Amino acid sequence: MAAVGIGYLLVGLRGPALFAAAVTAALPTAQNIFTYANRYNRGLLLARDAIFVSTFVSVPVILVIAAVFDRYLT
């Protein structure tokens, strides 16, 4: 919601550019956690699980974003 609001109101994004901003904001960022865990050799299993869960959860969120954009913003 924040990415859509900022993109629409402050940056002036519309259409596909606004959709791209919303989907990019919904992508998982847990890979950053794994990079640090691997670098310092701490919590690798927890980081791996965080990547899995955040990726799994991001799929329905992106589908909802697509449905909302298709219904209301096209």
Protein backbone atom coordinates (compact mmCIF):
# COMPACT_ATOMS: atom_id res chain seq x y z
CA MET A 1 0.00 0.00 0.00
CA ALA A 2 2.78 2.42 0.84
CA ALA A 3 4.54 1.84 -2.49
CA VAL A 4 1.31 2.48 -4.39
CA GLY A 5 0.54 5.60 -2.38
CA ILE A 6 4.01 7.05 -2.71
CA GLY A 7 4.28 6.06 -6.35
CA TYR A 8 0.92 7.55 -7.23
CA LEU A 9 0.86 10.68 -5.10
CA LEU A 10 4.50 11.72 -4.78
CA VAL A 11 6.22 10.30 -7.84
CA GLY A 12 3.31 10.49 -10.27
CA LEU A 13 3.47 6.89 -11.48
CA ARG A 14 0.50 5.55 -13.41
CA GLY A 15 -0.44 2.29 -15.14
CA PRO A 16 2.30 -0.30 -15.69
CA ALA A 17 4.94 1.76 -13.87
CA LEU A 18 2.79 1.91 -10.73
CA PHE A 19 2.05 -1.82 -11.03
CA ALA A 20 5.78 -2.55 -11.29
CA ALA A 21 6.47 -0.50 -8.16
CA ALA A 22 3.76 -2.36 -6.24
CA VAL A 23 4.98 -5.81 -7.30
CA THR A 24 8.60 -4.93 -6.59
CA ALA A 25 7.63 -3.79 -3.10
CA ALA A 26 5.85 -7.12 -2.52
CA LEU A 27 8.87 -9.25 -3.44
CA PRO A 28 10.62 -11.03 -0.58
CA THR A 29 13.79 -9.52 0.85
CA ALA A 30 14.90 -12.48 2.96
CA GLN A 31 17.78 -13.19 0.58
CA ASN A 32 19.59 -10.32 2.30
CA ILE A 33 19.23 -12.18 5.58
CA PHE A 34 20.85 -15.25 4.05
CA THR A 35 23.77 -13.19 2.74
CA TYR A 36 24.58 -11.96 6.24
CA ALA A 37 23.97 -15.37 7.82
CA ASN A 38 26.29 -17.00 5.32
CA ARG A 39 28.96 -14.32 5.71
CA TYR A 40 29.07 -14.62 9.49
CA ASN A 41 28.19 -18.35 9.54
CA ARG A 42 25.31 -17.85 11.96
CA GLY A 43 21.66 -18.85 11.67
CA LEU A 44 21.87 -20.41 8.21
CA LEU A 45 18.90 -22.72 8.76
CA LEU A 46 16.77 -19.89 10.12
CA ALA A 47 17.73 -17.69 7.17
CA ARG A 48 16.91 -20.50 4.74
CA ASP A 49 13.49 -20.95 6.33
CA ALA A 50 12.86 -17.19 6.24
CA ILE A 51 13.57 -17.18 2.51
CA PHE A 52 11.15 -20.04 1.95
CA VAL A 53 8.34 -18.53 4.02
CA SER A 54 8.67 -15.01 2.63
CA THR A 55 8.76 -16.30 -0.94
CA PHE A 56 5.75 -18.53 -0.31
CA VAL A 57 3.78 -15.66 1.24
CA SER A 58 4.70 -13.18 -1.50
CA VAL A 59 2.95 -15.20 -4.22
CA PRO A 60 -0.63 -14.61 -3.00
CA VAL A 61 0.20 -10.99 -2.19
CA ILE A 62 1.37 -10.40 -5.76
CA LEU A 63 -1.76 -12.13 -7.08
CA VAL A 64 -3.95 -9.80 -4.99
CA ILE A 65 -2.02 -6.78 -6.29
CA ALA A 66 -2.55 -7.98 -9.86
CA ALA A 67 -6.27 -8.50 -9.25
CA VAL A 68 -6.68 -5.04 -7.70
CA PHE A 69 -4.81 -3.38 -10.54
CA ASP A 70 -6.82 -5.31 -13.11
CA ARG A 71 -10.13 -4.45 -11.44
CA TYR A 72 -9.64 -0.84 -10.39
CA LEU A 73 -6.60 0.71 -12.02
CA THR A 74 -6.85 -0.26 -15.68
